[in-house]
Amino acid sequence: AVLAEALRLRPAFVLGHNLMAIALSELGD
C-alpha cells in the first residue's frame, strides 16, 4: 500500500518497482 503511493508520485521509480515485486510475490501475486 505504501509503495503504491511512492509509485504514484514517481512512476519511473526503479527501486520502488523492485521492492513492490518482492512484496507482491510474498503475498502470492
PDB file of all heavy atoms in Angstrom:
ATOM      1  N   ALA A   1       0.833  -1.216   0.000  1.00  0.00           N
ATOM      2  CA  ALA A   1       0.000   0.000   0.000  1.00  0.00           C
ATOM      3  C   ALA A   1       0.861   1.257   0.000  1.00  0.00           C
ATOM      4  O   ALA A   1       0.566   2.228  -0.724  1.00  0.00           O
ATOM      5  CB  ALA A   1      -0.927  -0.017   1.215  1.00  0.00           C
ATOM      6  N   VAL A   2       1.934   1.261   0.785  1.00  0.00           N
ATOM      7  CA  VAL A   2       2.815   2.437   0.837  1.00  0.00           C
ATOM      8  C   VAL A   2       3.583   2.582  -0.477  1.00  0.00           C
ATOM      9  O   VAL A   2       3.769   3.701  -0.988  1.00  0.00           O
ATOM     10  CB  VAL A   2       3.773   2.323   2.035  1.00  0.00           C
ATOM     11  CG1 VAL A   2       4.769   3.482   2.046  1.00  0.00           C
ATOM     12  CG2 VAL A   2       2.988   2.300   3.346  1.00  0.00           C
ATOM     13  N   LEU A   3       4.022   1.464  -1.053  1.00  0.00           N
ATOM     14  CA  LEU A   3       4.733   1.524  -2.336  1.00  0.00           C
ATOM     15  C   LEU A   3       3.844   2.020  -3.462  1.00  0.00           C
ATOM     16  O   LEU A   3       4.315   2.687  -4.394  1.00  0.00           O
ATOM     17  CB  LEU A   3       5.285   0.138  -2.675  1.00  0.00           C
ATOM     18  CG  LEU A   3       6.545  -0.288  -1.925  1.00  0.00           C
ATOM     19  CD1 LEU A   3       6.787  -1.776  -2.097  1.00  0.00           C
ATOM     20  CD2 LEU A   3       7.758   0.512  -2.396  1.00  0.00           C
ATOM     21  N   ALA A   4       2.564   1.675  -3.408  1.00  0.00           N
ATOM     22  CA  ALA A   4       1.641   2.157  -4.439  1.00  0.00           C
ATOM     23  C   ALA A   4       1.631   3.685  -4.471  1.00  0.00           C
ATOM     24  O   ALA A   4       1.598   4.303  -5.553  1.00  0.00           O
ATOM     25  CB  ALA A   4       0.237   1.614  -4.178  1.00  0.00           C
ATOM     26  N   GLU A   5       1.706   4.292  -3.293  1.00  0.00           N
ATOM     27  CA  GLU A   5       1.756   5.748  -3.245  1.00  0.00           C
ATOM     28  C   GLU A   5       3.097   6.264  -3.754  1.00  0.00           C
ATOM     29  O   GLU A   5       3.157   7.271  -4.489  1.00  0.00           O
ATOM     30  CB  GLU A   5       1.511   6.225  -1.803  1.00  0.00           C
ATOM     31  CG  GLU A   5       1.536   7.731  -1.606  1.00  0.00           C
ATOM     32  CD  GLU A   5       0.442   8.467  -2.383  1.00  0.00           C
ATOM     33  OE1 GLU A   5      -0.492   7.808  -2.896  1.00  0.00           O
ATOM     34  OE2 GLU A   5       0.534   9.708  -2.491  1.00  0.00           O
ATOM     35  N   ALA A   6       4.193   5.598  -3.424  1.00  0.00           N
ATOM     36  CA  ALA A   6       5.507   6.009  -3.920  1.00  0.00           C
ATOM     37  C   ALA A   6       5.553   5.973  -5.443  1.00  0.00           C
ATOM     38  O   ALA A   6       6.092   6.884  -6.085  1.00  0.00           O
ATOM     39  CB  ALA A   6       6.589   5.093  -3.335  1.00  0.00           C
ATOM     40  N   LEU A   7       4.956   4.914  -6.041  1.00  0.00           N
ATOM     41  CA  LEU A   7       4.974   4.792  -7.500  1.00  0.00           C
ATOM     42  C   LEU A   7       3.984   5.737  -8.162  1.00  0.00           C
ATOM     43  O   LEU A   7       4.167   6.116  -9.322  1.00  0.00           O
ATOM     44  CB  LEU A   7       4.685   3.333  -7.880  1.00  0.00           C
ATOM     45  CG  LEU A   7       5.799   2.350  -7.499  1.00  0.00           C
ATOM     46  CD1 LEU A   7       5.361   0.909  -7.722  1.00  0.00           C
ATOM     47  CD2 LEU A   7       7.071   2.643  -8.280  1.00  0.00           C
ATOM     48  N   ARG A   8       2.941   6.123  -7.449  1.00  0.00           N
ATOM     49  CA  ARG A   8       2.043   7.156  -7.990  1.00  0.00           C
ATOM     50  C   ARG A   8       2.793   8.481  -8.084  1.00  0.00           C
ATOM     51  O   ARG A   8       2.662   9.228  -9.067  1.00  0.00           O
ATOM     52  CB  ARG A   8       0.818   7.317  -7.090  1.00  0.00           C
ATOM     53  CG  ARG A   8      -0.223   8.320  -7.619  1.00  0.00           C
ATOM     54  CD  ARG A   8      -1.278   8.641  -6.590  1.00  0.00           C
ATOM     55  NE  ARG A   8      -0.762   9.407  -5.471  1.00  0.00           N
ATOM     56  CZ  ARG A   8      -0.518  10.717  -5.509  1.00  0.00           C
ATOM     57  NH1 ARG A   8      -0.730  11.406  -6.628  1.00  0.00           N
ATOM     58  NH2 ARG A   8      -0.066  11.344  -4.444  1.00  0.00           N
ATOM     59  N   LEU A   9       3.601   8.768  -7.064  1.00  0.00           N
ATOM     60  CA  LEU A   9       4.356  10.018  -7.053  1.00  0.00           C
ATOM     61  C   LEU A   9       5.515   9.982  -8.047  1.00  0.00           C
ATOM     62  O   LEU A   9       5.878  11.002  -8.632  1.00  0.00           O
ATOM     63  CB  LEU A   9       4.906  10.258  -5.642  1.00  0.00           C
ATOM     64  CG  LEU A   9       3.859  10.537  -4.553  1.00  0.00           C
ATOM     65  CD1 LEU A   9       4.488  10.437  -3.165  1.00  0.00           C
ATOM     66  CD2 LEU A   9       3.237  11.914  -4.757  1.00  0.00           C
ATOM     67  N   ARG A  10       6.116   8.770  -8.212  1.00  0.00           N
ATOM     68  CA  ARG A  10       7.264   8.650  -9.119  1.00  0.00           C
ATOM     69  C   ARG A  10       7.125   7.353  -9.921  1.00  0.00           C
ATOM     70  O   ARG A  10       7.669   6.314  -9.549  1.00  0.00           O
ATOM     71  CB  ARG A  10       8.572   8.651  -8.335  1.00  0.00           C
ATOM     72  CG  ARG A  10       9.808   8.852  -9.234  1.00  0.00           C
ATOM     73  CD  ARG A  10      11.103   8.569  -8.496  1.00  0.00           C
ATOM     74  NE  ARG A  10      11.284   9.332  -7.293  1.00  0.00           N
ATOM     75  CZ  ARG A  10      12.277   9.147  -6.422  1.00  0.00           C
ATOM     76  NH1 ARG A  10      13.175   8.188  -6.647  1.00  0.00           N
ATOM     77  NH2 ARG A  10      12.373   9.873  -5.330  1.00  0.00           N
ATOM     78  N   PRO A  11       6.413   7.382 -11.041  1.00  0.00           N
ATOM     79  CA  PRO A  11       6.146   6.146 -11.805  1.00  0.00           C
ATOM     80  C   PRO A  11       7.402   5.440 -12.306  1.00  0.00           C
ATOM     81  O   PRO A  11       7.394   4.221 -12.480  1.00  0.00           O
ATOM     82  CB  PRO A  11       5.291   6.645 -12.972  1.00  0.00           C
ATOM     83  CG  PRO A  11       4.672   7.909 -12.478  1.00  0.00           C
ATOM     84  CD  PRO A  11       5.696   8.540 -11.590  1.00  0.00           C
ATOM     85  N   ALA A  12       8.479   6.189 -12.524  1.00  0.00           N
ATOM     86  CA  ALA A  12       9.712   5.581 -13.039  1.00  0.00           C
ATOM     87  C   ALA A  12      10.693   5.258 -11.913  1.00  0.00           C
ATOM     88  O   ALA A  12      11.910   5.304 -12.108  1.00  0.00           O
ATOM     89  CB  ALA A  12      10.374   6.514 -14.055  1.00  0.00           C
ATOM     90  N   PHE A  13      10.172   4.902 -10.747  1.00  0.00           N
ATOM     91  CA  PHE A  13      10.973   4.621  -9.563  1.00  0.00           C
ATOM     92  C   PHE A  13      11.415   3.150  -9.612  1.00  0.00           C
ATOM     93  O   PHE A  13      10.683   2.236  -9.240  1.00  0.00           O
ATOM     94  CB  PHE A  13      10.124   4.900  -8.320  1.00  0.00           C
ATOM     95  CG  PHE A  13      10.889   5.006  -7.027  1.00  0.00           C
ATOM     96  CD1 PHE A  13      10.247   5.421  -5.874  1.00  0.00           C
ATOM     97  CD2 PHE A  13      12.249   4.715  -6.947  1.00  0.00           C
ATOM     98  CE1 PHE A  13      10.919   5.532  -4.665  1.00  0.00           C
ATOM     99  CE2 PHE A  13      12.936   4.827  -5.749  1.00  0.00           C
ATOM    100  CZ  PHE A  13      12.262   5.242  -4.606  1.00  0.00           C
ATOM    101  N   VAL A  14      12.647   2.913 -10.087  1.00  0.00           N
ATOM    102  CA  VAL A  14      13.126   1.550 -10.311  1.00  0.00           C
ATOM    103  C   VAL A  14      13.148   0.752  -9.006  1.00  0.00           C
ATOM    104  O   VAL A  14      12.662  -0.384  -8.944  1.00  0.00           O
ATOM    105  CB  VAL A  14      14.530   1.569 -10.953  1.00  0.00           C
ATOM    106  CG1 VAL A  14      15.095   0.150 -11.040  1.00  0.00           C
ATOM    107  CG2 VAL A  14      14.462   2.202 -12.342  1.00  0.00           C
ATOM    108  N   LEU A  15      13.727   1.323  -7.961  1.00  0.00           N
ATOM    109  CA  LEU A  15      13.784   0.614  -6.687  1.00  0.00           C
ATOM    110  C   LEU A  15      12.387   0.339  -6.134  1.00  0.00           C
ATOM    111  O   LEU A  15      12.137  -0.699  -5.513  1.00  0.00           O
ATOM    112  CB  LEU A  15      14.589   1.421  -5.663  1.00  0.00           C
ATOM    113  CG  LEU A  15      16.086   1.526  -5.913  1.00  0.00           C
ATOM    114  CD1 LEU A  15      16.761   2.402  -4.853  1.00  0.00           C
ATOM    115  CD2 LEU A  15      16.732   0.143  -5.930  1.00  0.00           C
ATOM    116  N   GLY A  16      11.458   1.264  -6.387  1.00  0.00           N
ATOM    117  CA  GLY A  16      10.081   1.068  -5.938  1.00  0.00           C
ATOM    118  C   GLY A  16       9.426  -0.109  -6.634  1.00  0.00           C
ATOM    119  O   GLY A  16       8.757  -0.930  -5.996  1.00  0.00           O
ATOM    120  N   HIS A  17       9.606  -0.226  -7.944  1.00  0.00           N
ATOM    121  CA  HIS A  17       9.057  -1.376  -8.689  1.00  0.00           C
ATOM    122  C   HIS A  17       9.699  -2.680  -8.210  1.00  0.00           C
ATOM    123  O   HIS A  17       9.028  -3.711  -8.107  1.00  0.00           O
ATOM    124  CB  HIS A  17       9.291  -1.189 -10.180  1.00  0.00           C
ATOM    125  CG  HIS A  17       8.380  -0.182 -10.815  1.00  0.00           C
ATOM    126  ND1 HIS A  17       7.016  -0.380 -10.938  1.00  0.00           N
ATOM    127  CD2 HIS A  17       8.641   1.039 -11.362  1.00  0.00           C
ATOM    128  CE1 HIS A  17       6.468   0.673 -11.540  1.00  0.00           C
ATOM    129  NE2 HIS A  17       7.439   1.554 -11.801  1.00  0.00           N
ATOM    130  N   ASN A  18      10.997  -2.614  -7.933  1.00  0.00           N
ATOM    131  CA  ASN A  18      11.715  -3.803  -7.490  1.00  0.00           C
ATOM    132  C   ASN A  18      11.178  -4.312  -6.150  1.00  0.00           C
ATOM    133  O   ASN A  18      10.874  -5.505  -5.989  1.00  0.00           O
ATOM    134  CB  ASN A  18      13.205  -3.469  -7.373  1.00  0.00           C
ATOM    135  CG  ASN A  18      14.066  -4.696  -7.213  1.00  0.00           C
ATOM    136  OD1 ASN A  18      13.786  -5.736  -7.793  1.00  0.00           O
ATOM    137  ND2 ASN A  18      15.109  -4.573  -6.423  1.00  0.00           N
ATOM    138  N   LEU A  19      11.042  -3.407  -5.181  1.00  0.00           N
ATOM    139  CA  LEU A  19      10.534  -3.801  -3.870  1.00  0.00           C
ATOM    140  C   LEU A  19       9.069  -4.224  -3.947  1.00  0.00           C
ATOM    141  O   LEU A  19       8.642  -5.168  -3.266  1.00  0.00           O
ATOM    142  CB  LEU A  19      10.707  -2.660  -2.873  1.00  0.00           C
ATOM    143  CG  LEU A  19      10.277  -2.960  -1.429  1.00  0.00           C
ATOM    144  CD1 LEU A  19      11.024  -4.163  -0.867  1.00  0.00           C
ATOM    145  CD2 LEU A  19      10.512  -1.731  -0.532  1.00  0.00           C
ATOM    146  N   MET A  20       8.303  -3.541  -4.802  1.00  0.00           N
ATOM    147  CA  MET A  20       6.899  -3.924  -4.981  1.00  0.00           C
ATOM    148  C   MET A  20       6.811  -5.362  -5.487  1.00  0.00           C
ATOM    149  O   MET A  20       5.954  -6.143  -5.036  1.00  0.00           O
ATOM    150  CB  MET A  20       6.216  -2.976  -5.976  1.00  0.00           C
ATOM    151  CG  MET A  20       4.743  -3.302  -6.225  1.00  0.00           C
ATOM    152  SD  MET A  20       3.677  -2.973  -4.812  1.00  0.00           S
ATOM    153  CE  MET A  20       3.071  -1.334  -5.254  1.00  0.00           C
ATOM    154  N   ALA A  21       7.694  -5.740  -6.385  1.00  0.00           N
ATOM    155  CA  ALA A  21       7.689  -7.111  -6.912  1.00  0.00           C
ATOM    156  C   ALA A  21       7.960  -8.121  -5.795  1.00  0.00           C
ATOM    157  O   ALA A  21       7.306  -9.167  -5.714  1.00  0.00           O
ATOM    158  CB  ALA A  21       8.737  -7.250  -8.020  1.00  0.00           C
ATOM    159  N   ILE A  22       8.920  -7.810  -4.939  1.00  0.00           N
ATOM    160  CA  ILE A  22       9.242  -8.733  -3.836  1.00  0.00           C
ATOM    161  C   ILE A  22       8.050  -8.886  -2.903  1.00  0.00           C
ATOM    162  O   ILE A  22       7.663 -10.006  -2.533  1.00  0.00           O
ATOM    163  CB  ILE A  22      10.465  -8.226  -3.057  1.00  0.00           C
ATOM    164  CG1 ILE A  22      11.697  -8.170  -3.953  1.00  0.00           C
ATOM    165  CG2 ILE A  22      10.739  -9.113  -1.852  1.00  0.00           C
ATOM    166  CD1 ILE A  22      12.881  -7.476  -3.318  1.00  0.00           C
ATOM    167  N   ALA A  23       7.453  -7.750  -2.524  1.00  0.00           N
ATOM    168  CA  ALA A  23       6.328  -7.793  -1.583  1.00  0.00           C
ATOM    169  C   ALA A  23       5.135  -8.524  -2.186  1.00  0.00           C
ATOM    170  O   ALA A  23       4.476  -9.334  -1.511  1.00  0.00           O
ATOM    171  CB  ALA A  23       5.947  -6.375  -1.175  1.00  0.00           C
ATOM    172  N   LEU A  24       4.838  -8.271  -3.450  1.00  0.00           N
ATOM    173  CA  LEU A  24       3.704  -8.945  -4.100  1.00  0.00           C
ATOM    174  C   LEU A  24       3.948 -10.442  -4.231  1.00  0.00           C
ATOM    175  O   LEU A  24       3.018 -11.246  -4.079  1.00  0.00           O
ATOM    176  CB  LEU A  24       3.457  -8.322  -5.479  1.00  0.00           C
ATOM    177  CG  LEU A  24       2.807  -6.937  -5.481  1.00  0.00           C
ATOM    178  CD1 LEU A  24       2.880  -6.332  -6.886  1.00  0.00           C
ATOM    179  CD2 LEU A  24       1.354  -7.003  -5.010  1.00  0.00           C
ATOM    180  N   SER A  25       5.192 -10.819  -4.509  1.00  0.00           N
ATOM    181  CA  SER A  25       5.477 -12.252  -4.628  1.00  0.00           C
ATOM    182  C   SER A  25       5.251 -12.955  -3.300  1.00  0.00           C
ATOM    183  O   SER A  25       4.777 -14.096  -3.256  1.00  0.00           O
ATOM    184  CB  SER A  25       6.915 -12.472  -5.117  1.00  0.00           C
ATOM    185  OG  SER A  25       7.856 -12.113  -4.121  1.00  0.00           O
ATOM    186  N   GLU A  26       5.586 -12.288  -2.208  1.00  0.00           N
ATOM    187  CA  GLU A  26       5.368 -12.886  -0.887  1.00  0.00           C
ATOM    188  C   GLU A  26       3.885 -12.997  -0.551  1.00  0.00           C
ATOM    189  O   GLU A  26       3.493 -13.840   0.273  1.00  0.00           O
ATOM    190  CB  GLU A  26       6.111 -12.075   0.176  1.00  0.00           C
ATOM    191  CG  GLU A  26       7.623 -12.220   0.055  1.00  0.00           C
ATOM    192  CD  GLU A  26       8.391 -11.269   0.942  1.00  0.00           C
ATOM    193  OE1 GLU A  26       7.743 -10.400   1.581  1.00  0.00           O
ATOM    194  OE2 GLU A  26       9.622 -11.397   1.005  1.00  0.00           O
ATOM    195  N   LEU A  27       3.072 -12.169  -1.175  1.00  0.00           N
ATOM    196  CA  LEU A  27       1.632 -12.247  -0.971  1.00  0.00           C
ATOM    197  C   LEU A  27       0.968 -13.208  -1.954  1.00  0.00           C
ATOM    198  O   LEU A  27      -0.253 -13.368  -1.935  1.00  0.00           O
ATOM    199  CB  LEU A  27       1.008 -10.850  -1.115  1.00  0.00           C
ATOM    200  CG  LEU A  27       1.443  -9.830  -0.051  1.00  0.00           C
ATOM    201  CD1 LEU A  27       0.919  -8.446  -0.398  1.00  0.00           C
ATOM    202  CD2 LEU A  27       0.961 -10.246   1.336  1.00  0.00           C
ATOM    203  N   GLY A  28       1.768 -13.817  -2.829  1.00  0.00           N
ATOM    204  CA  GLY A  28       1.250 -14.825  -3.745  1.00  0.00           C
ATOM    205  C   GLY A  28       0.788 -14.288  -5.082  1.00  0.00           C
ATOM    206  O   GLY A  28       0.263 -15.043  -5.903  1.00  0.00           O
ATOM    207  N   ASP A  29       0.974 -12.999  -5.344  1.00  0.00           N
ATOM    208  CA  ASP A  29       0.523 -12.412  -6.618  1.00  0.00           C
ATOM    209  C   ASP A  29       1.700 -12.397  -7.596  1.00  0.00           C
ATOM    210  O   ASP A  29       2.321 -11.364  -7.851  1.00  0.00           O
ATOM    211  CB  ASP A  29      -0.014 -11.000  -6.379  1.00  0.00           C
ATOM    212  CG  ASP A  29      -0.797 -10.463  -7.570  1.00  0.00           C
ATOM    213  OD1 ASP A  29      -0.661 -11.044  -8.675  1.00  0.00           O
ATOM    214  OD2 ASP A  29      -1.536  -9.485  -7.406  1.00  0.00           O
TER     215      ASP A  29
END
